[in-house]
Amino acid sequence: MWQASKNYGWASGGCSILSEVGTLHLEFAYLSDVTGDPTYRMKVDNIRRVIQSMDKPRGLYPNYINPKTGKWGQRKFMNRSLR
């Protein structure tokens, strides 16, 4: 059964927090390691390549990315931990 995806209301306009993408990268890479199936790592490596090739405002990665469009969300930057 297909369900529509949604993000937390406090996340910028339906965007995902960039750290979520990093977490998924670690999890899928580990899944490839434990299953011996490189497919999972290849998928997240491709996402990482796309993000690395994107324009970074002021040379920094914004906090939010839209999972449907692949574009940066709100242009907020953090240089400290979340509190």
PDB file of N, CA and C in Angstrom:
ATOM      1  N   MET A   1       0.829  -1.168   0.000  1.00  0.00           N
ATOM      2  CA  MET A   1       0.000   0.000   0.000  1.00  0.00           C
ATOM      3  C   MET A   1       0.881   1.240   0.000  1.00  0.00           C
ATOM      4  N   TRP A   2       0.565   2.198  -0.841  1.00  0.00           N
ATOM      5  CA  TRP A   2       1.338   3.430  -0.961  1.00  0.00           C
ATOM      6  C   TRP A   2       0.773   4.477  -0.031  1.00  0.00           C
ATOM      7  N   GLN A   3       1.641   5.158   0.669  1.00  0.00           N
ATOM      8  CA  GLN A   3       1.224   6.260   1.527  1.00  0.00           C
ATOM      9  C   GLN A   3       2.037   7.490   1.172  1.00  0.00           C
ATOM     10  N   ALA A   4       1.399   8.629   1.254  1.00  0.00           N
ATOM     11  CA  ALA A   4       2.095   9.885   0.994  1.00  0.00           C
ATOM     12  C   ALA A   4       3.115  10.133   2.104  1.00  0.00           C
ATOM     13  N   SER A   5       4.253  10.656   1.719  1.00  0.00           N
ATOM     14  CA  SER A   5       5.257  10.971   2.728  1.00  0.00           C
ATOM     15  C   SER A   5       5.009  12.377   3.260  1.00  0.00           C
ATOM     16  N   LYS A   6       5.457  12.595   4.471  1.00  0.00           N
ATOM     17  CA  LYS A   6       5.358  13.935   5.038  1.00  0.00           C
ATOM     18  C   LYS A   6       6.485  14.116   6.032  1.00  0.00           C
ATOM     19  N   ASN A   7       6.805  15.345   6.268  1.00  0.00           N
ATOM     20  CA  ASN A   7       7.856  15.682   7.211  1.00  0.00           C
ATOM     21  C   ASN A   7       7.255  16.406   8.400  1.00  0.00           C
ATOM     22  N   TYR A   8       8.077  16.614   9.395  1.00  0.00           N
ATOM     23  CA  TYR A   8       7.645  17.333  10.579  1.00  0.00           C
ATOM     24  C   TYR A   8       7.226  18.750  10.208  1.00  0.00           C
ATOM     25  N   GLY A   9       6.205  19.267  10.890  1.00  0.00           N
ATOM     26  CA  GLY A   9       5.709  20.599  10.621  1.00  0.00           C
ATOM     27  C   GLY A   9       6.741  21.692  10.823  1.00  0.00           C
ATOM     28  N   TRP A  10       7.675  21.467  11.742  1.00  0.00           N
ATOM     29  CA  TRP A  10       8.685  22.491  11.995  1.00  0.00           C
ATOM     30  C   TRP A  10       9.808  22.473  10.960  1.00  0.00           C
ATOM     31  N   ALA A  11       9.849  21.437  10.133  1.00  0.00           N
ATOM     32  CA  ALA A  11      10.864  21.392   9.075  1.00  0.00           C
ATOM     33  C   ALA A  11      10.401  22.298   7.947  1.00  0.00           C
ATOM     34  N   SER A  12      11.295  23.020   7.396  1.00  0.00           N
ATOM     35  CA  SER A  12      11.037  24.068   6.416  1.00  0.00           C
ATOM     36  C   SER A  12      10.227  23.610   5.208  1.00  0.00           C
ATOM     37  N   GLY A  13       8.945  23.902   5.186  1.00  0.00           N
ATOM     38  CA  GLY A  13       8.105  23.687   4.013  1.00  0.00           C
ATOM     39  C   GLY A  13       8.150  22.299   3.410  1.00  0.00           C
ATOM     40  N   GLY A  14       8.081  21.262   4.213  1.00  0.00           N
ATOM     41  CA  GLY A  14       8.096  19.900   3.689  1.00  0.00           C
ATOM     42  C   GLY A  14       9.481  19.387   3.348  1.00  0.00           C
ATOM     43  N   CYS A  15      10.490  20.126   3.714  1.00  0.00           N
ATOM     44  CA  CYS A  15      11.864  19.714   3.429  1.00  0.00           C
ATOM     45  C   CYS A  15      12.383  18.763   4.497  1.00  0.00           C
ATOM     46  N   SER A  16      13.423  18.071   4.154  1.00  0.00           N
ATOM     47  CA  SER A  16      14.110  17.195   5.096  1.00  0.00           C
ATOM     48  C   SER A  16      15.335  17.917   5.631  1.00  0.00           C
ATOM     49  N   ILE A  17      15.686  17.603   6.850  1.00  0.00           N
ATOM     50  CA  ILE A  17      16.907  18.154   7.425  1.00  0.00           C
ATOM     51  C   ILE A  17      18.075  17.405   6.795  1.00  0.00           C
ATOM     52  N   LEU A  18      19.083  18.126   6.385  1.00  0.00           N
ATOM     53  CA  LEU A  18      20.197  17.519   5.663  1.00  0.00           C
ATOM     54  C   LEU A  18      20.853  16.393   6.447  1.00  0.00           C
ATOM     55  N   SER A  19      20.859  16.480   7.759  1.00  0.00           N
ATOM     56  CA  SER A  19      21.474  15.412   8.555  1.00  0.00           C
ATOM     57  C   SER A  19      20.720  14.093   8.408  1.00  0.00           C
ATOM     58  N   GLU A  20      19.417  14.156   8.064  1.00  0.00           N
ATOM     59  CA  GLU A  20      18.668  12.922   7.810  1.00  0.00           C
ATOM     60  C   GLU A  20      19.275  12.173   6.630  1.00  0.00           C
ATOM     61  N   VAL A  21      19.669  12.917   5.616  1.00  0.00           N
ATOM     62  CA  VAL A  21      20.275  12.311   4.429  1.00  0.00           C
ATOM     63  C   VAL A  21      21.584  11.633   4.811  1.00  0.00           C
ATOM     64  N   GLY A  22      22.361  12.292   5.654  1.00  0.00           N
ATOM     65  CA  GLY A  22      23.614  11.701   6.113  1.00  0.00           C
ATOM     66  C   GLY A  22      23.398  10.435   6.916  1.00  0.00           C
ATOM     67  N   THR A  23      22.371  10.442   7.754  1.00  0.00           N
ATOM     68  CA  THR A  23      22.050   9.260   8.552  1.00  0.00           C
ATOM     69  C   THR A  23      21.642   8.100   7.654  1.00  0.00           C
ATOM     70  N   LEU A  24      20.803   8.375   6.674  1.00  0.00           N
ATOM     71  CA  LEU A  24      20.399   7.320   5.737  1.00  0.00           C
ATOM     72  C   LEU A  24      21.597   6.780   4.967  1.00  0.00           C
ATOM     73  N   HIS A  25      22.536   7.660   4.630  1.00  0.00           N
ATOM     74  CA  HIS A  25      23.736   7.212   3.926  1.00  0.00           C
ATOM     75  C   HIS A  25      24.495   6.192   4.773  1.00  0.00           C
ATOM     76  N   LEU A  26      24.678   6.504   6.049  1.00  0.00           N
ATOM     77  CA  LEU A  26      25.386   5.573   6.933  1.00  0.00           C
ATOM     78  C   LEU A  26      24.643   4.243   7.067  1.00  0.00           C
ATOM     79  N   GLU A  27      23.330   4.325   7.219  1.00  0.00           N
ATOM     80  CA  GLU A  27      22.540   3.107   7.409  1.00  0.00           C
ATOM     81  C   GLU A  27      22.543   2.222   6.160  1.00  0.00           C
ATOM     82  N   PHE A  28      22.386   2.824   4.995  1.00  0.00           N
ATOM     83  CA  PHE A  28      22.354   2.037   3.763  1.00  0.00           C
ATOM     84  C   PHE A  28      23.734   1.491   3.410  1.00  0.00           C
ATOM     85  N   ALA A  29      24.780   2.250   3.695  1.00  0.00           N
ATOM     86  CA  ALA A  29      26.136   1.743   3.466  1.00  0.00           C
ATOM     87  C   ALA A  29      26.396   0.532   4.358  1.00  0.00           C
ATOM     88  N   TYR A  30      25.972   0.618   5.613  1.00  0.00           N
ATOM     89  CA  TYR A  30      26.125  -0.505   6.536  1.00  0.00           C
ATOM     90  C   TYR A  30      25.304  -1.707   6.072  1.00  0.00           C
ATOM     91  N   LEU A  31      24.101  -1.453   5.573  1.00  0.00           N
ATOM     92  CA  LEU A  31      23.264  -2.535   5.062  1.00  0.00           C
ATOM     93  C   LEU A  31      23.964  -3.271   3.918  1.00  0.00           C
ATOM     94  N   SER A  32      24.624  -2.524   3.045  1.00  0.00           N
ATOM     95  CA  SER A  32      25.401  -3.169   1.981  1.00  0.00           C
ATOM     96  C   SER A  32      26.522  -4.015   2.558  1.00  0.00           C
ATOM     97  N   ASP A  33      27.181  -3.487   3.586  1.00  0.00           N
ATOM     98  CA  ASP A  33      28.274  -4.224   4.214  1.00  0.00           C
ATOM     99  C   ASP A  33      27.804  -5.552   4.815  1.00  0.00           C
ATOM    100  N   VAL A  34      26.686  -5.524   5.532  1.00  0.00           N
ATOM    101  CA  VAL A  34      26.258  -6.736   6.223  1.00  0.00           C
ATOM    102  C   VAL A  34      25.546  -7.736   5.306  1.00  0.00           C
ATOM    103  N   THR A  35      24.950  -7.256   4.210  1.00  0.00           N
ATOM    104  CA  THR A  35      24.261  -8.168   3.296  1.00  0.00           C
ATOM    105  C   THR A  35      25.135  -8.604   2.135  1.00  0.00           C
ATOM    106  N   GLY A  36      26.214  -7.859   1.896  1.00  0.00           N
ATOM    107  CA  GLY A  36      27.058  -8.152   0.744  1.00  0.00           C
ATOM    108  C   GLY A  36      26.449  -7.674  -0.571  1.00  0.00           C
ATOM    109  N   ASP A  37      25.352  -6.931  -0.511  1.00  0.00           N
ATOM    110  CA  ASP A  37      24.679  -6.411  -1.705  1.00  0.00           C
ATOM    111  C   ASP A  37      25.047  -4.933  -1.873  1.00  0.00           C
ATOM    112  N   PRO A  38      25.821  -4.591  -2.901  1.00  0.00           N
ATOM    113  CA  PRO A  38      26.280  -3.214  -3.069  1.00  0.00           C
ATOM    114  C   PRO A  38      25.192  -2.239  -3.520  1.00  0.00           C
ATOM    115  N   THR A  39      24.011  -2.736  -3.839  1.00  0.00           N
ATOM    116  CA  THR A  39      22.942  -1.884  -4.362  1.00  0.00           C
ATOM    117  C   THR A  39      22.605  -0.735  -3.416  1.00  0.00           C
ATOM    118  N   TYR A  40      22.516  -1.024  -2.137  1.00  0.00           N
ATOM    119  CA  TYR A  40      22.126  -0.003  -1.160  1.00  0.00           C
ATOM    120  C   TYR A  40      23.148   1.134  -1.109  1.00  0.00           C
ATOM    121  N   ARG A  41      24.422   0.770  -1.078  1.00  0.00           N
ATOM    122  CA  ARG A  41      25.474   1.787  -1.042  1.00  0.00           C
ATOM    123  C   ARG A  41      25.498   2.590  -2.339  1.00  0.00           C
ATOM    124  N   MET A  42      25.282   1.937  -3.456  1.00  0.00           N
ATOM    125  CA  MET A  42      25.297   2.645  -4.748  1.00  0.00           C
ATOM    126  C   MET A  42      24.202   3.711  -4.785  1.00  0.00           C
ATOM    127  N   LYS A  43      23.040   3.398  -4.255  1.00  0.00           N
ATOM    128  CA  LYS A  43      21.930   4.363  -4.248  1.00  0.00           C
ATOM    129  C   LYS A  43      22.287   5.601  -3.434  1.00  0.00           C
ATOM    130  N   VAL A  44      22.779   5.398  -2.214  1.00  0.00           N
ATOM    131  CA  VAL A  44      23.079   6.561  -1.379  1.00  0.00           C
ATOM    132  C   VAL A  44      24.342   7.283  -1.839  1.00  0.00           C
ATOM    133  N   ASP A  45      25.279   6.576  -2.446  1.00  0.00           N
ATOM    134  CA  ASP A  45      26.454   7.250  -3.002  1.00  0.00           C
ATOM    135  C   ASP A  45      26.033   8.194  -4.117  1.00  0.00           C
ATOM    136  N   ASN A  46      25.039   7.797  -4.894  1.00  0.00           N
ATOM    137  CA  ASN A  46      24.550   8.668  -5.959  1.00  0.00           C
ATOM    138  C   ASN A  46      23.907   9.929  -5.376  1.00  0.00           C
ATOM    139  N   ILE A  47      23.144   9.762  -4.316  1.00  0.00           N
ATOM    140  CA  ILE A  47      22.535  10.926  -3.664  1.00  0.00           C
ATOM    141  C   ILE A  47      23.623  11.861  -3.152  1.00  0.00           C
ATOM    142  N   ARG A  48      24.647  11.293  -2.550  1.00  0.00           N
ATOM    143  CA  ARG A  48      25.752  12.117  -2.037  1.00  0.00           C
ATOM    144  C   ARG A  48      26.448  12.882  -3.163  1.00  0.00           C
ATOM    145  N   ARG A  49      26.663  12.219  -4.295  1.00  0.00           N
ATOM    146  CA  ARG A  49      27.293  12.908  -5.442  1.00  0.00           C
ATOM    147  C   ARG A  49      26.441  14.085  -5.920  1.00  0.00           C
ATOM    148  N   VAL A  50      25.142  13.881  -5.970  1.00  0.00           N
ATOM    149  CA  VAL A  50      24.239  14.959  -6.400  1.00  0.00           C
ATOM    150  C   VAL A  50      24.333  16.134  -5.432  1.00  0.00           C
ATOM    151  N   ILE A  51      24.281  15.859  -4.144  1.00  0.00           N
ATOM    152  CA  ILE A  51      24.350  16.931  -3.144  1.00  0.00           C
ATOM    153  C   ILE A  51      25.690  17.658  -3.219  1.00  0.00           C
ATOM    154  N   GLN A  52      26.764  16.910  -3.390  1.00  0.00           N
ATOM    155  CA  GLN A  52      28.084  17.543  -3.468  1.00  0.00           C
ATOM    156  C   GLN A  52      28.212  18.433  -4.705  1.00  0.00           C
ATOM    157  N   SER A  53      27.492  18.103  -5.776  1.00  0.00           N
ATOM    158  CA  SER A  53      27.595  18.892  -7.004  1.00  0.00           C
ATOM    159  C   SER A  53      26.688  20.121  -7.000  1.00  0.00           C
ATOM    160  N   MET A  54      25.777  20.205  -6.045  1.00  0.00           N
ATOM    161  CA  MET A  54      24.849  21.334  -5.983  1.00  0.00           C
ATOM    162  C   MET A  54      25.558  22.610  -5.561  1.00  0.00           C
ATOM    163  N   ASP A  55      25.021  23.734  -6.025  1.00  0.00           N
ATOM    164  CA  ASP A  55      25.529  25.034  -5.609  1.00  0.00           C
ATOM    165  C   ASP A  55      25.320  25.185  -4.105  1.00  0.00           C
ATOM    166  N   LYS A  56      26.352  25.616  -3.427  1.00  0.00           N
ATOM    167  CA  LYS A  56      26.260  25.808  -1.987  1.00  0.00           C
ATOM    168  C   LYS A  56      26.350  27.307  -1.703  1.00  0.00           C
ATOM    169  N   PRO A  57      25.243  27.903  -1.256  1.00  0.00           N
ATOM    170  CA  PRO A  57      25.259  29.333  -0.962  1.00  0.00           C
ATOM    171  C   PRO A  57      26.326  29.673   0.069  1.00  0.00           C
ATOM    172  N   ARG A  58      27.120  30.657  -0.243  1.00  0.00           N
ATOM    173  CA  ARG A  58      28.222  31.096   0.629  1.00  0.00           C
ATOM    174  C   ARG A  58      29.183  29.959   0.968  1.00  0.00           C
ATOM    175  N   GLY A  59      29.190  28.926   0.109  1.00  0.00           N
ATOM    176  CA  GLY A  59      30.101  27.800   0.311  1.00  0.00           C
ATOM    177  C   GLY A  59      29.676  26.845   1.414  1.00  0.00           C
ATOM    178  N   LEU A  60      28.457  26.993   1.911  1.00  0.00           N
ATOM    179  CA  LEU A  60      27.970  26.161   3.012  1.00  0.00           C
ATOM    180  C   LEU A  60      26.759  25.348   2.568  1.00  0.00           C
ATOM    181  N   TYR A  61      26.573  24.216   3.202  1.00  0.00           N
ATOM    182  CA  TYR A  61      25.377  23.417   2.949  1.00  0.00           C
ATOM    183  C   TYR A  61      24.235  23.972   3.792  1.00  0.00           C
ATOM    184  N   PRO A  62      23.087  24.299   3.174  1.00  0.00           N
ATOM    185  CA  PRO A  62      21.931  24.716   3.971  1.00  0.00           C
ATOM    186  C   PRO A  62      21.437  23.556   4.841  1.00  0.00           C
ATOM    187  N   ASN A  63      20.611  23.864   5.822  1.00  0.00           N
ATOM    188  CA  ASN A  63      20.098  22.841   6.739  1.00  0.00           C
ATOM    189  C   ASN A  63      19.032  21.958   6.116  1.00  0.00           C
ATOM    190  N   TYR A  64      18.326  22.461   5.101  1.00  0.00           N
ATOM    191  CA  TYR A  64      17.168  21.748   4.572  1.00  0.00           C
ATOM    192  C   TYR A  64      17.310  21.448   3.080  1.00  0.00           C
ATOM    193  N   ILE A  65      16.758  20.291   2.675  1.00  0.00           N
ATOM    194  CA  ILE A  65      16.705  19.918   1.271  1.00  0.00           C
ATOM    195  C   ILE A  65      15.314  19.336   0.999  1.00  0.00           C
ATOM    196  N   ASN A  66      14.756  19.691  -0.149  1.00  0.00           N
ATOM    197  CA  ASN A  66      13.439  19.186  -0.501  1.00  0.00           C
ATOM    198  C   ASN A  66      13.596  17.810  -1.127  1.00  0.00           C
ATOM    199  N   PRO A  67      13.039  16.757  -0.525  1.00  0.00           N
ATOM    200  CA  PRO A  67      13.225  15.404  -1.053  1.00  0.00           C
ATOM    201  C   PRO A  67      12.505  15.153  -2.379  1.00  0.00           C
ATOM    202  N   LYS A  68      11.534  15.985  -2.706  1.00  0.00           N
ATOM    203  CA  LYS A  68      10.804  15.799  -3.965  1.00  0.00           C
ATOM    204  C   LYS A  68      11.480  16.512  -5.131  1.00  0.00           C
ATOM    205  N   THR A  69      12.026  17.702  -4.870  1.00  0.00           N
ATOM    206  CA  THR A  69      12.640  18.476  -5.957  1.00  0.00           C
ATOM    207  C   THR A  69      14.159  18.346  -5.989  1.00  0.00           C
ATOM    208  N   GLY A  70      14.754  17.967  -4.863  1.00  0.00           N
ATOM    209  CA  GLY A  70      16.207  17.890  -4.788  1.00  0.00           C
ATOM    210  C   GLY A  70      16.874  19.248  -4.668  1.00  0.00           C
ATOM    211  N   LYS A  71      16.095  20.276  -4.368  1.00  0.00           N
ATOM    212  CA  LYS A  71      16.648  21.630  -4.226  1.00  0.00           C
ATOM    213  C   LYS A  71      16.721  22.003  -2.759  1.00  0.00           C
ATOM    214  N   TRP A  72      17.602  22.957  -2.484  1.00  0.00           N
ATOM    215  CA  TRP A  72      17.736  23.424  -1.116  1.00  0.00           C
ATOM    216  C   TRP A  72      16.437  24.055  -0.664  1.00  0.00           C
ATOM    217  N   GLY A  73      16.126  23.850   0.600  1.00  0.00           N
ATOM    218  CA  GLY A  73      14.960  24.489   1.197  1.00  0.00           C
ATOM    219  C   GLY A  73      15.361  25.854   1.710  1.00  0.00           C
ATOM    220  N   GLN A  74      14.821  26.204   2.829  1.00  0.00           N
ATOM    221  CA  GLN A  74      15.122  27.484   3.440  1.00  0.00           C
ATOM    222  C   GLN A  74      16.628  27.651   3.595  1.00  0.00           C
ATOM    223  N   ARG A  75      17.129  28.822   3.335  1.00  0.00           N
ATOM    224  CA  ARG A  75      18.573  29.067   3.358  1.00  0.00           C
ATOM    225  C   ARG A  75      19.065  29.432   4.747  1.00  0.00           C
ATOM    226  N   LYS A  76      18.926  28.503   5.667  1.00  0.00           N
ATOM    227  CA  LYS A  76      19.444  28.710   7.023  1.00  0.00           C
ATOM    228  C   LYS A  76      20.710  27.887   7.176  1.00  0.00           C
ATOM    229  N   PHE A  77      21.628  28.412   7.942  1.00  0.00           N
ATOM    230  CA  PHE A  77      22.895  27.731   8.183  1.00  0.00           C
ATOM    231  C   PHE A  77      23.124  27.645   9.675  1.00  0.00           C
ATOM    232  N   MET A  78      23.743  26.564  10.099  1.00  0.00           N
ATOM    233  CA  MET A  78      24.075  26.422  11.510  1.00  0.00           C
ATOM    234  C   MET A  78      25.575  26.282  11.652  1.00  0.00           C
ATOM    235  N   ASN A  79      26.120  26.963  12.603  1.00  0.00           N
ATOM    236  CA  ASN A  79      27.539  26.770  12.898  1.00  0.00           C
ATOM    237  C   ASN A  79      27.723  26.399  14.367  1.00  0.00           C
ATOM    238  N   ARG A  80      26.625  25.915  14.963  1.00  0.00           N
ATOM    239  CA  ARG A  80      26.667  25.449  16.335  1.00  0.00           C
ATOM    240  C   ARG A  80      25.715  24.267  16.470  1.00  0.00           C
ATOM    241  N   SER A  81      25.760  23.605  17.576  1.00  0.00           N
ATOM    242  CA  SER A  81      24.870  22.450  17.771  1.00  0.00           C
ATOM    243  C   SER A  81      23.449  22.924  18.022  1.00  0.00           C
ATOM    244  N   LEU A  82      22.492  22.005  17.730  1.00  0.00           N
ATOM    245  CA  LEU A  82      21.096  22.323  18.015  1.00  0.00           C
ATOM    246  C   LEU A  82      20.864  22.256  19.518  1.00  0.00           C
ATOM    247  N   ARG A  83      20.059  23.151  20.018  1.00  0.00           N
ATOM    248  CA  ARG A  83      19.794  23.173  21.466  1.00  0.00           C
ATOM    249  C   ARG A  83      18.340  23.016  21.729  1.00  0.00           C
TER     250      ARG A  83
END
